[in-house]
Amino acid sequence: MPIRLDIKKKLSVSSERVKSVDIHPTESWALAALYSGNVTIWDYESGSNVKTFEVSELPVRCAKFITRKQWFVASSDDMRLRIYNYNTMEKIKDFEAHSDYIRYVEVHPTLPYFLTSSDDMTIKCWDWDRGFDCTQLFEGHAHYVMMVKFNPKDTNTFASASLDRSIKVWGLGSPLPHYTLEGHERGVNCIDYYPSGDKPYILSGADDRTVKIWDYQTKSIVHSLEGHSHNICAVLFHPKLPLICSASEDGTVRLWQSTTYRAETTLNYGMERAWALAATRETTKLAIGFDEGCVVVELGSDDAVVSMDGTGKVVWAKNNEIQTTTVRGLAGGDDDDALPDGERLPVVPRDLGACELYPQSIKHNCNGRFIAVCGDGEFIIYTAQALRNKAYGQAIDFVWSATGTGDYAIRESVNRVKFFKNFKESRAIKPATASADGLFGGHLLGVKGGDSAVLFYDWDSGEFVRKIDVAPKEVYWSDSGNLVLIACEDSAYVLSYNAQVTASAIAMGQVSPEDGVDGSFDLLFEISDSISSGEWVGDCFIYCNNAGRLNYSVG
């Protein structure tokens, strides 16, 4: 099953050819190195040009942020490196670095070093604490060195890609390579290391139009990805998502799942050849450099994957790691030790362990004893305290019942929904709608209809209760189950639900297949506001609107 990422374009700007992109870890900035000799910083949230630096008369091939110094370093085709302060725009240093074009600059994650690779077939290490002295020279490639990358797991080692068809792995203390990886049939343009420590993988892209995943411990090829119709210019393991990204001169960026290697999606923005990619572990953004400009996309949402039970226990996902804490009593009860409004809560997270799938949602069941983790078209139910596996399966959507401990429903396809009672399948239904596009949990099972409606079904019998003709974003049930709020795009409807009328109609077999149960719902009032999230407290509904304001509504 696919990861079902919602891909949003955040920035699309036309410019000269973009040979390199970088994303700032804390600001919403994309750094673009242009063939015109300029370096531009774009704000991908506002779409504005933050700053432009006229670096060189000749093309700038690479530019990288050095955020701990508020610098960026740029390499241009006059064989020079230039370092600028991106806040003051002051030029810090300008010097000749190689005897031929400089293809790539790689900044060390912690030490005051950066590496440069060049068409002069060498790699050099520069130390800015020593006045940008070249402290080491690495030789061994027999053709242009296109890229270098530090290993995030062991930052004293790095890998290089060359048009001599090889990848070499080096150490900072030695001028000769540790070993060589050979297997591409043509020149290698780009490499990346697997971002977390659990897999010893290097990714590479080459002029033979393949992307290869290497195990650098066994020195073997794990997998080869095919699909591009031209040279591959940039590859990366996304540091936050389980994705491999590849950019090619065929004008496309392909996304593949990094665990199953299945092709996820192909991006094509009609901006000619794709040259460069960048991502950060802080966000789900991906920056792409093309012949005709720069694009930043958001892959899925940056929203937290989190759930809280009724007692204040919070469980959340940090990539594949699941963590928990409790917020009960943290704000302080008495006036003396109470935290002031707006203060961050001093939470102490506890690791529960790793989840086998990439979590895109987490939901507690009604009494907080179990959590369901959903993603990649699958779900796993764990115990909430120790993350012990209780049940699992394939589903497009998963929702809990508001009453039974092990009662839940899954959507298998657009016309099949299954009910589970006490973790065992009890029945399957075909919803009375052209296509079931989603599910809502609660006191009744809500099915989002493709015809802008929500259909409610009884958990125990699977009987159809009522169809309500509004297009729902979310459905919120009160704890007692007598009130339900249906949130739509820019309004919301509060209805009362009569469980007794429904129960007696089902018991006496008086359920109409078209209309359900008469008198099961009554419209109480409408809220003309766009609700982004909310919670019932008794008969009062507290919610955040799209403007980020906290409101309440009492019938």
Protein backbone atom coordinates (compact mmCIF):
# COMPACT_ATOMS: atom_id res chain seq x y z
CA MET A 1 0.00 0.00 0.00
CA PRO A 2 1.27 3.51 -0.76
CA ILE A 3 2.10 6.07 1.93
CA ARG A 4 -0.67 8.32 0.49
CA LEU A 5 1.27 11.56 0.84
CA ASP A 6 -0.60 14.74 0.08
CA ILE A 7 1.93 16.72 -2.02
CA LYS A 8 1.52 20.51 -1.88
CA LYS A 9 3.57 22.98 -3.90
CA LYS A 10 4.85 25.66 -1.48
CA LEU A 11 7.05 27.65 -3.86
CA SER A 12 7.54 27.81 -7.62
CA VAL A 13 9.79 30.55 -8.99
CA SER A 14 11.25 31.08 -12.45
CA SER A 15 14.94 31.90 -12.73
CA GLU A 16 18.09 30.98 -14.62
CA ARG A 17 19.20 27.35 -14.34
CA VAL A 18 19.38 26.21 -10.70
CA LYS A 19 22.43 23.97 -10.20
CA SER A 20 22.12 23.54 -6.43
CA VAL A 21 19.50 23.95 -3.69
CA ASP A 22 19.66 23.89 0.10
CA ILE A 23 17.01 24.27 2.83
CA HIS A 24 17.63 26.22 6.03
CA PRO A 25 16.95 24.08 9.14
CA THR A 26 15.04 26.77 11.09
CA GLU A 27 14.03 29.58 8.69
CA SER A 28 11.58 28.90 5.83
CA TRP A 29 14.35 29.57 3.31
CA ALA A 30 15.54 27.81 0.17
CA LEU A 31 19.03 28.68 -1.13
CA ALA A 32 19.43 28.47 -4.91
CA ALA A 33 22.74 28.63 -6.83
CA LEU A 34 22.17 29.96 -10.34
CA TYR A 35 23.93 29.57 -13.69
CA SER A 36 23.89 33.38 -14.00
CA GLY A 37 26.45 33.65 -11.16
CA ASN A 38 23.92 34.73 -8.52
CA VAL A 39 22.83 33.03 -5.30
CA THR A 40 19.25 33.66 -4.18
CA ILE A 41 17.46 32.99 -0.90
CA TRP A 42 13.72 32.38 -1.34
CA ASP A 43 11.12 32.29 1.45
CA TYR A 44 8.99 29.28 0.54
CA GLU A 45 6.16 30.25 2.93
CA SER A 46 5.63 33.77 1.54
CA GLY A 47 7.07 33.18 -1.94
CA SER A 48 9.26 36.28 -1.64
CA ASN A 49 12.89 36.82 -2.60
CA VAL A 50 14.69 37.35 0.74
CA LYS A 51 18.13 38.24 -0.67
CA THR A 52 20.15 37.94 -3.86
CA PHE A 53 23.96 37.83 -3.91
CA GLU A 54 25.90 38.62 -7.09
CA VAL A 55 28.64 36.07 -6.49
CA SER A 56 30.46 35.66 -9.79
CA GLU A 57 30.48 36.45 -13.51
CA LEU A 58 30.44 32.69 -14.15
CA PRO A 59 27.92 29.97 -13.10
CA VAL A 60 27.64 29.05 -9.40
CA ARG A 61 27.54 25.24 -9.24
CA CYS A 62 26.94 24.74 -5.52
CA ALA A 63 25.85 26.79 -2.48
CA LYS A 64 25.36 25.46 1.03
CA PHE A 65 24.22 26.98 4.34
CA ILE A 66 26.65 26.94 7.30
CA THR A 67 23.92 27.84 9.78
CA ARG A 68 25.96 27.83 12.99
CA LYS A 69 28.00 30.74 11.53
CA GLN A 70 25.06 32.36 9.64
CA TRP A 71 27.07 31.87 6.45
CA PHE A 72 26.70 30.21 3.13
CA VAL A 73 29.56 28.93 0.98
CA ALA A 74 29.36 29.08 -2.82
CA SER A 75 31.56 27.52 -5.51
CA SER A 76 31.68 29.06 -8.98
CA ASP A 77 33.22 28.25 -12.35
CA ASP A 78 36.10 30.71 -11.80
CA MET A 79 37.40 27.89 -9.50
CA ARG A 80 36.86 30.11 -6.45
CA LEU A 81 35.03 29.63 -3.15
CA ARG A 82 33.21 32.57 -1.60
CA ILE A 83 31.73 32.69 1.89
CA TYR A 84 29.04 35.24 2.78
CA ASN A 85 27.18 36.14 5.96
CA TYR A 86 23.55 35.75 4.83
CA ASN A 87 22.26 38.23 7.46
CA THR A 88 24.66 41.15 6.93
CA MET A 89 25.47 40.17 3.27
CA GLU A 90 29.15 40.74 4.10
CA LYS A 91 31.67 38.68 2.10
CA ILE A 92 33.74 36.73 4.66
CA LYS A 93 36.28 35.13 2.32
CA ASP A 94 37.04 34.72 -1.40
CA PHE A 95 39.82 32.42 -2.61
CA GLU A 96 40.86 30.09 -5.42
CA ALA A 97 40.28 26.48 -4.33
CA HIS A 98 40.87 24.12 -7.26
CA SER A 99 42.47 24.08 -10.72
CA ASP A 100 39.18 23.14 -12.45
CA TYR A 101 35.42 23.50 -11.89
CA ILE A 102 34.21 22.86 -8.31
CA ARG A 103 31.26 20.45 -8.47
CA TYR A 104 30.13 20.20 -4.84
CA VAL A 105 30.56 21.60 -1.33
CA GLU A 106 29.71 19.46 1.72
CA VAL A 107 29.63 21.05 5.20
CA HIS A 108 30.62 18.92 8.21
CA PRO A 109 27.68 18.57 10.67
CA THR A 110 29.69 19.57 13.77
CA LEU A 111 33.36 20.38 13.02
CA PRO A 112 34.54 23.66 11.36
CA TYR A 113 35.21 21.88 8.05
CA PHE A 114 33.78 21.64 4.58
CA LEU A 115 34.80 19.43 1.67
CA THR A 116 34.97 20.42 -2.00
CA SER A 117 35.10 18.06 -4.98
CA SER A 118 36.32 19.12 -8.39
CA ASP A 119 36.91 18.31 -12.06
CA ASP A 120 40.64 18.33 -11.15
CA MET A 121 39.87 14.82 -9.72
CA THR A 122 40.64 15.84 -6.12
CA ILE A 123 38.69 16.39 -2.90
CA LYS A 124 39.89 19.04 -0.45
CA CYS A 125 39.05 19.68 3.20
CA TRP A 126 38.94 23.33 4.38
CA ASP A 127 39.05 24.49 8.03
CA TRP A 128 37.41 27.87 8.66
CA ASP A 129 38.82 28.10 12.18
CA ARG A 130 42.27 28.12 10.58
CA GLY A 131 41.51 30.94 8.17
CA PHE A 132 40.04 28.57 5.55
CA ASP A 133 43.31 26.61 5.21
CA CYS A 134 43.23 23.50 3.04
CA THR A 135 44.07 20.95 5.73
CA GLN A 136 43.74 17.76 3.65
CA LEU A 137 43.89 16.61 0.02
CA PHE A 138 42.25 13.36 -1.12
CA GLU A 139 43.35 11.79 -4.41
CA GLY A 140 42.37 8.52 -6.09
CA HIS A 141 39.59 9.15 -8.63
CA ALA A 142 40.41 8.91 -12.36
CA HIS A 143 37.76 11.39 -13.56
CA TYR A 144 35.72 14.40 -12.35
CA VAL A 145 34.54 14.09 -8.70
CA MET A 146 30.87 15.07 -8.87
CA MET A 147 29.79 14.89 -5.21
CA VAL A 148 30.93 14.21 -1.65
CA LYS A 149 28.80 13.34 1.40
CA PHE A 150 29.60 12.87 5.09
CA ASN A 151 28.31 9.72 6.79
CA PRO A 152 25.84 10.94 9.49
CA LYS A 153 26.52 7.80 11.57
CA ASP A 154 30.31 8.30 11.53
CA THR A 155 31.16 11.88 10.56
CA ASN A 156 34.88 11.07 10.23
CA THR A 157 34.08 9.19 7.03
CA PHE A 158 32.66 10.41 3.75
CA ALA A 159 31.81 9.05 0.30
CA SER A 160 32.52 10.48 -3.15
CA ALA A 161 30.89 9.94 -6.57
CA SER A 162 32.89 10.22 -9.78
CA LEU A 163 32.50 9.98 -13.54
CA ASP A 164 35.08 7.15 -13.35
CA ARG A 165 31.94 5.04 -12.51
CA SER A 166 33.00 4.45 -8.91
CA ILE A 167 32.00 5.49 -5.40
CA LYS A 168 34.88 5.75 -2.94
CA VAL A 169 34.67 5.88 0.86
CA TRP A 170 37.32 7.91 2.72
CA GLY A 171 38.35 8.85 6.25
CA LEU A 172 39.30 12.37 7.36
CA GLY A 173 42.72 11.18 8.56
CA SER A 174 43.93 9.43 5.41
CA PRO A 175 44.66 10.78 1.88
CA LEU A 176 43.77 7.42 0.25
CA PRO A 177 40.31 5.83 0.04
CA HIS A 178 39.28 3.04 2.43
CA TYR A 179 37.46 1.13 -0.33
CA THR A 180 35.67 1.48 -3.67
CA LEU A 181 32.13 0.50 -4.71
CA GLU A 182 31.81 -0.46 -8.39
CA GLY A 183 28.66 -1.49 -10.25
CA HIS A 184 27.37 1.50 -12.24
CA GLU A 185 27.90 1.18 -15.99
CA ARG A 186 28.45 4.92 -16.52
CA GLY A 187 29.61 7.94 -14.51
CA VAL A 188 28.16 8.43 -11.00
CA ASN A 189 26.76 11.93 -10.41
CA CYS A 190 25.32 11.85 -6.92
CA ILE A 191 25.27 9.99 -3.58
CA ASP A 192 23.62 10.11 -0.19
CA TYR A 193 23.87 8.21 3.10
CA TYR A 194 20.93 6.61 4.91
CA PRO A 195 20.05 9.24 7.57
CA SER A 196 19.51 7.08 10.67
CA GLY A 197 21.81 4.45 12.11
CA ASP A 198 19.86 1.26 11.49
CA LYS A 199 20.92 0.60 7.85
CA PRO A 200 24.50 0.85 6.44
CA TYR A 201 23.29 2.16 3.09
CA ILE A 202 24.63 4.52 0.43
CA LEU A 203 22.37 5.76 -2.38
CA SER A 204 23.79 6.64 -5.81
CA GLY A 205 22.51 7.96 -9.14
CA ALA A 206 24.36 7.76 -12.44
CA ASP A 207 24.38 8.41 -16.19
CA ASP A 208 23.29 4.75 -16.66
CA ARG A 209 19.80 6.03 -15.57
CA THR A 210 19.67 3.83 -12.45
CA VAL A 211 19.51 4.61 -8.75
CA LYS A 212 21.38 2.04 -6.68
CA ILE A 213 21.23 1.28 -2.95
CA TRP A 214 24.54 -0.11 -1.60
CA ASP A 215 25.36 -1.84 1.67
CA TYR A 216 28.75 -0.29 2.52
CA GLN A 217 29.53 -3.04 5.03
CA THR A 218 29.17 -5.95 2.59
CA LYS A 219 30.16 -3.66 -0.40
CA SER A 220 27.22 -5.06 -2.39
CA ILE A 221 24.23 -3.63 -4.26
CA VAL A 222 21.02 -4.09 -2.24
CA HIS A 223 18.63 -2.84 -4.91
CA SER A 224 18.59 -1.00 -8.23
CA LEU A 225 15.75 1.42 -9.08
CA GLU A 226 14.86 1.93 -12.74
CA GLY A 227 12.37 4.32 -14.30
CA HIS A 228 14.21 7.49 -15.32
CA SER A 229 14.78 7.98 -19.05
CA HIS A 230 17.88 10.17 -18.76
CA ASN A 231 20.94 10.85 -16.55
CA ILE A 232 20.26 11.06 -12.80
CA CYS A 233 21.63 14.29 -11.29
CA ALA A 234 20.57 14.15 -7.63
CA VAL A 235 19.44 11.49 -5.12
CA LEU A 236 18.54 11.59 -1.44
CA PHE A 237 17.08 9.55 1.39
CA HIS A 238 14.51 11.95 2.85
CA PRO A 239 15.72 12.52 6.45
CA LYS A 240 12.18 12.67 7.86
CA LEU A 241 10.06 10.44 5.59
CA PRO A 242 10.58 6.83 4.45
CA LEU A 243 11.28 8.02 0.90
CA ILE A 244 14.05 7.93 -1.69
CA CYS A 245 13.99 10.93 -4.05
CA SER A 246 15.76 11.08 -7.41
CA ALA A 247 16.03 13.97 -9.90
CA SER A 248 16.90 13.50 -13.55
CA GLU A 249 17.62 15.31 -16.80
CA ASP A 250 14.34 13.73 -18.01
CA GLY A 251 12.64 16.60 -16.11
CA THR A 252 11.08 14.43 -13.39
CA VAL A 253 11.62 13.81 -9.70
CA ARG A 254 10.68 10.29 -8.66
CA LEU A 255 9.76 9.25 -5.12
CA TRP A 256 10.22 5.65 -4.00
CA GLN A 257 9.49 3.98 -0.67
CA SER A 258 12.80 3.48 1.11
CA THR A 259 11.76 0.18 2.74
CA THR A 260 9.98 -1.66 -0.10
CA TYR A 261 11.59 0.31 -2.99
CA ARG A 262 8.18 0.58 -4.65
CA ALA A 263 7.67 3.61 -6.89
CA GLU A 264 5.50 6.04 -4.92
CA THR A 265 4.91 8.95 -7.33
CA THR A 266 6.54 11.04 -10.06
CA LEU A 267 6.68 14.85 -9.94
CA ASN A 268 6.92 16.81 -13.18
CA TYR A 269 6.57 20.59 -13.13
CA GLY A 270 7.45 21.19 -16.81
CA MET A 271 10.59 23.18 -15.94
CA GLU A 272 12.97 21.13 -18.11
CA ARG A 273 15.88 19.19 -16.56
CA ALA A 274 15.99 18.60 -12.78
CA TRP A 275 19.49 19.17 -11.32
CA ALA A 276 19.35 19.33 -7.54
CA LEU A 277 17.44 18.17 -4.45
CA ALA A 278 17.49 19.21 -0.77
CA ALA A 279 15.57 18.24 2.38
CA THR A 280 15.96 18.66 6.16
CA ARG A 281 15.09 16.43 9.10
CA GLU A 282 13.07 19.29 10.65
CA THR A 283 10.35 19.42 7.95
CA THR A 284 8.74 17.32 5.23
CA LYS A 285 9.76 19.87 2.57
CA LEU A 286 11.67 18.95 -0.57
CA ALA A 287 13.47 21.60 -2.66
CA ILE A 288 14.13 20.93 -6.36
CA GLY A 289 16.35 22.89 -8.76
CA PHE A 290 15.43 22.91 -12.48
CA ASP A 291 16.66 24.48 -15.73
CA GLU A 292 13.90 27.07 -15.45
CA GLY A 293 13.69 27.72 -11.71
CA CYS A 294 13.18 26.35 -8.24
CA VAL A 295 10.28 24.44 -6.63
CA VAL A 296 9.67 23.60 -2.95
CA VAL A 297 7.01 20.98 -2.18
CA GLU A 298 5.59 19.74 1.10
CA LEU A 299 5.33 15.94 1.19
CA GLY A 300 2.42 15.18 3.47
CA SER A 301 1.92 17.27 6.56
CA ASP A 302 4.31 18.68 9.14
CA ASP A 303 1.57 18.24 11.77
CA ALA A 304 2.44 16.11 14.79
CA VAL A 305 1.24 12.48 14.79
CA VAL A 306 -0.15 12.40 18.34
CA SER A 307 -3.02 11.15 20.52
CA MET A 308 -4.10 11.85 24.10
CA ASP A 309 -6.38 9.63 26.18
CA GLY A 310 -8.93 10.85 28.73
CA THR A 311 -6.43 10.83 31.63
CA GLY A 312 -3.81 13.11 30.04
CA LYS A 313 -1.46 10.40 28.72
CA VAL A 314 0.01 11.51 25.40
CA VAL A 315 1.55 9.20 22.77
CA TRP A 316 3.29 10.56 19.68
CA ALA A 317 5.49 9.43 16.80
CA LYS A 318 8.89 10.83 15.97
CA ASN A 319 9.53 9.18 12.59
CA ASN A 320 9.27 5.46 13.48
CA GLU A 321 9.94 5.96 17.21
CA ILE A 322 6.93 6.03 19.55
CA GLN A 323 7.18 8.17 22.71
CA THR A 324 4.84 8.88 25.60
CA THR A 325 4.40 11.27 28.51
CA THR A 326 1.65 12.45 30.81
CA VAL A 327 0.47 16.06 31.05
CA ARG A 328 -1.84 15.43 34.02
CA GLY A 329 -1.12 17.86 36.88
CA LEU A 330 1.72 19.56 34.96
CA ALA A 331 0.02 22.94 34.83
CA GLY A 332 -0.20 22.93 38.67
CA GLY A 333 -3.43 23.08 40.61
CA ASP A 334 -2.76 25.75 43.28
CA ASP A 335 -2.22 29.37 42.38
CA ASP A 336 1.32 29.30 43.82
CA ASP A 337 2.79 26.59 41.61
CA ALA A 338 0.54 27.06 38.57
CA LEU A 339 2.30 27.69 35.28
CA PRO A 340 1.47 31.04 33.68
CA ASP A 341 -0.73 30.96 30.56
CA GLY A 342 1.21 30.36 27.37
CA GLU A 343 4.16 28.61 29.09
CA ARG A 344 5.47 25.39 27.57
CA LEU A 345 4.73 22.34 29.72
CA PRO A 346 7.88 20.69 31.16
CA VAL A 347 7.18 17.21 29.79
CA VAL A 348 9.57 14.28 30.22
CA PRO A 349 9.20 11.90 27.24
CA ARG A 350 9.62 8.16 27.64
CA ASP A 351 10.56 5.93 24.69
CA LEU A 352 8.08 3.12 24.04
CA GLY A 353 10.00 1.62 21.11
CA ALA A 354 9.99 1.54 17.34
CA CYS A 355 6.97 0.90 15.15
CA GLU A 356 7.23 -1.46 12.16
CA LEU A 357 5.42 0.95 9.83
CA TYR A 358 5.78 4.69 9.20
CA PRO A 359 3.08 6.28 11.41
CA GLN A 360 0.75 8.77 9.75
CA SER A 361 -1.83 8.71 12.53
CA ILE A 362 -2.12 7.48 16.13
CA LYS A 363 -5.44 7.02 17.94
CA HIS A 364 -6.25 5.89 21.47
CA ASN A 365 -9.23 3.61 21.97
CA CYS A 366 -12.12 4.67 24.25
CA ASN A 367 -10.45 3.74 27.57
CA GLY A 368 -6.85 4.54 26.61
CA ARG A 369 -5.56 0.97 27.00
CA PHE A 370 -4.74 0.50 23.30
CA ILE A 371 -3.41 2.69 20.50
CA ALA A 372 -3.83 2.13 16.77
CA VAL A 373 -0.92 3.27 14.60
CA CYS A 374 -1.82 3.71 10.92
CA GLY A 375 0.32 4.34 7.84
CA ASP A 376 1.47 2.82 4.55
CA GLY A 377 -2.07 1.43 4.12
CA GLU A 378 -1.69 -0.74 7.23
CA PHE A 379 -2.62 -0.54 10.91
CA ILE A 380 -1.15 -2.05 14.06
CA ILE A 381 -2.92 -2.05 17.44
CA TYR A 382 -0.52 -1.87 20.41
CA THR A 383 -0.97 -1.77 24.17
CA ALA A 384 -0.58 1.90 25.10
CA GLN A 385 1.76 1.29 28.06
CA ALA A 386 4.34 -1.14 26.63
CA LEU A 387 3.76 -1.11 22.84
CA ARG A 388 2.92 -4.83 22.72
CA ASN A 389 1.36 -5.95 19.46
CA LYS A 390 -2.36 -6.82 19.82
CA ALA A 391 -3.69 -6.87 16.22
CA TYR A 392 -2.72 -5.69 12.76
CA GLY A 393 -4.00 -5.66 9.19
CA GLN A 394 -4.34 -3.74 5.95
CA ALA A 395 -6.71 -0.79 5.78
CA ILE A 396 -7.03 2.54 4.04
CA ASP A 397 -8.75 4.01 7.13
CA PHE A 398 -9.12 2.95 10.77
CA VAL A 399 -11.47 4.26 13.50
CA TRP A 400 -12.33 3.22 17.06
CA SER A 401 -15.80 2.85 18.55
CA ALA A 402 -16.59 5.23 21.43
CA THR A 403 -17.70 2.40 23.73
CA GLY A 404 -16.22 -1.11 23.22
CA THR A 405 -12.57 -1.60 24.24
CA GLY A 406 -11.66 -3.68 21.18
CA ASP A 407 -14.35 -2.40 18.80
CA TYR A 408 -13.15 -0.69 15.63
CA ALA A 409 -13.84 -0.45 11.91
CA ILE A 410 -11.63 -0.35 8.84
CA ARG A 411 -12.16 0.78 5.26
CA GLU A 412 -10.74 -1.82 2.88
CA SER A 413 -11.81 -0.12 -0.36
CA VAL A 414 -14.26 2.49 -1.67
CA ASN A 415 -17.13 0.00 -1.27
CA ARG A 416 -16.18 -2.24 1.65
CA VAL A 417 -16.10 -1.45 5.38
CA LYS A 418 -15.43 -4.09 8.08
CA PHE A 419 -16.57 -4.01 11.72
CA PHE A 420 -14.51 -5.63 14.49
CA LYS A 421 -15.83 -6.52 17.95
CA ASN A 422 -13.31 -7.27 20.71
CA PHE A 423 -10.51 -7.41 18.09
CA LYS A 424 -12.36 -10.05 16.00
CA GLU A 425 -14.09 -9.34 12.70
CA SER A 426 -17.87 -9.25 13.20
CA ARG A 427 -19.31 -8.11 9.85
CA ALA A 428 -18.59 -6.36 6.56
CA ILE A 429 -20.88 -3.89 4.82
CA LYS A 430 -21.09 -2.13 1.47
CA PRO A 431 -22.01 1.49 2.35
CA ALA A 432 -25.03 2.93 0.54
CA THR A 433 -22.97 5.50 -1.37
CA ALA A 434 -21.15 5.62 -4.70
CA SER A 435 -17.78 5.61 -2.94
CA ALA A 436 -16.79 5.52 0.73
CA ASP A 437 -13.99 8.13 0.97
CA GLY A 438 -13.29 8.00 4.71
CA LEU A 439 -14.42 6.88 8.16
CA PHE A 440 -15.30 8.70 11.39
CA GLY A 441 -15.26 6.95 14.77
CA GLY A 442 -17.48 7.67 17.77
CA HIS A 443 -20.83 6.48 19.12
CA LEU A 444 -21.92 5.59 15.58
CA LEU A 445 -19.64 4.68 12.69
CA GLY A 446 -19.57 7.54 10.19
CA VAL A 447 -18.80 6.86 6.52
CA LYS A 448 -17.77 9.82 4.36
CA GLY A 449 -19.69 9.51 1.10
CA GLY A 450 -18.29 10.58 -2.27
CA ASP A 451 -21.61 12.39 -2.86
CA SER A 452 -20.89 15.03 -0.13
CA ALA A 453 -22.67 13.23 2.69
CA VAL A 454 -21.98 11.33 5.90
CA LEU A 455 -23.72 8.00 6.54
CA PHE A 456 -24.06 6.74 10.12
CA TYR A 457 -24.14 3.03 11.02
CA ASP A 458 -24.82 1.24 14.31
CA TRP A 459 -21.69 -0.45 15.75
CA ASP A 460 -23.40 -3.59 17.11
CA SER A 461 -25.80 -4.47 14.30
CA GLY A 462 -24.13 -2.71 11.34
CA GLU A 463 -27.56 -1.23 10.54
CA PHE A 464 -27.85 2.02 8.56
CA VAL A 465 -29.03 4.82 10.91
CA ARG A 466 -29.08 8.06 8.91
CA LYS A 467 -27.58 9.90 5.94
CA ILE A 468 -26.82 13.60 6.47
CA ASP A 469 -26.22 15.61 3.31
CA VAL A 470 -23.24 17.76 4.21
CA ALA A 471 -19.59 17.34 3.16
CA PRO A 472 -17.78 16.50 6.43
CA LYS A 473 -14.14 17.23 7.26
CA GLU A 474 -14.44 15.72 10.76
CA VAL A 475 -17.12 14.40 13.15
CA TYR A 476 -16.93 15.09 16.90
CA TRP A 477 -19.12 13.14 19.38
CA SER A 478 -19.75 14.29 22.95
CA ASP A 479 -18.75 11.83 25.72
CA SER A 480 -22.35 10.90 26.47
CA GLY A 481 -23.10 10.38 22.76
CA ASN A 482 -26.20 12.57 22.76
CA LEU A 483 -24.54 15.40 20.75
CA VAL A 484 -22.52 15.31 17.54
CA LEU A 485 -20.80 18.12 15.65
CA ILE A 486 -20.15 17.70 11.92
CA ALA A 487 -17.39 20.09 10.81
CA CYS A 488 -17.44 21.11 7.13
CA GLU A 489 -15.17 23.38 5.09
CA ASP A 490 -16.41 26.74 6.45
CA SER A 491 -19.28 25.85 8.78
CA ALA A 492 -20.30 23.21 11.28
CA TYR A 493 -23.59 21.63 12.36
CA VAL A 494 -24.50 20.47 15.87
CA LEU A 495 -27.09 17.70 16.03
CA SER A 496 -28.71 15.80 18.89
CA TYR A 497 -28.70 12.00 18.62
CA ASN A 498 -31.45 9.90 20.14
CA ALA A 499 -29.93 6.47 20.90
CA GLN A 500 -33.19 5.05 22.34
CA VAL A 501 -35.19 5.74 19.16
CA THR A 502 -32.43 4.07 17.11
CA ALA A 503 -32.12 1.05 19.41
CA SER A 504 -35.86 0.36 19.44
CA ALA A 505 -36.15 0.81 15.63
CA ILE A 506 -33.30 -1.70 15.11
CA ALA A 507 -34.80 -4.13 17.66
CA MET A 508 -38.22 -3.99 15.96
CA GLY A 509 -36.76 -4.16 12.43
CA GLN A 510 -38.13 -0.75 11.49
CA VAL A 511 -35.01 0.54 9.68
CA SER A 512 -35.63 1.92 6.19
CA PRO A 513 -32.79 0.94 3.78
CA GLU A 514 -33.03 4.39 2.09
CA ASP A 515 -33.69 6.73 5.03
CA GLY A 516 -32.46 4.78 8.07
CA VAL A 517 -34.15 5.59 11.38
CA ASP A 518 -36.63 8.48 11.51
CA GLY A 519 -36.07 10.80 14.47
CA SER A 520 -32.56 9.55 15.19
CA PHE A 521 -31.00 13.00 14.61
CA ASP A 522 -32.26 16.58 15.09
CA LEU A 523 -30.41 19.70 13.96
CA LEU A 524 -29.83 21.99 16.96
CA PHE A 525 -27.79 24.86 15.49
CA GLU A 526 -25.11 25.85 12.99
CA ILE A 527 -21.66 27.39 13.69
CA SER A 528 -20.48 29.60 10.80
CA ASP A 529 -16.76 29.11 11.38
CA SER A 530 -14.08 26.86 9.93
CA ILE A 531 -13.08 24.37 12.65
CA SER A 532 -9.55 22.95 12.51
CA SER A 533 -9.78 20.90 15.74
CA GLY A 534 -12.13 20.62 18.70
CA GLU A 535 -13.28 18.74 21.78
CA TRP A 536 -16.56 18.35 23.68
CA VAL A 537 -16.45 19.18 27.41
CA GLY A 538 -19.89 18.13 28.63
CA ASP A 539 -22.35 20.02 26.42
CA CYS A 540 -19.84 22.74 25.52
CA PHE A 541 -17.75 22.44 22.34
CA ILE A 542 -14.28 24.03 22.47
CA TYR A 543 -12.54 24.48 19.13
CA CYS A 544 -9.73 26.15 17.21
CA ASN A 545 -10.66 27.88 13.98
CA ASN A 546 -8.47 28.28 10.90
CA ALA A 547 -7.26 31.66 12.13
CA GLY A 548 -5.81 29.86 15.20
CA ARG A 549 -8.30 31.38 17.67
CA LEU A 550 -9.71 29.31 20.54
CA ASN A 551 -13.52 29.50 20.72
CA TYR A 552 -16.34 27.75 22.54
CA SER A 553 -19.93 27.04 21.66
CA VAL A 554 -22.75 26.22 24.09
CA GLY A 555 -26.13 25.19 22.72
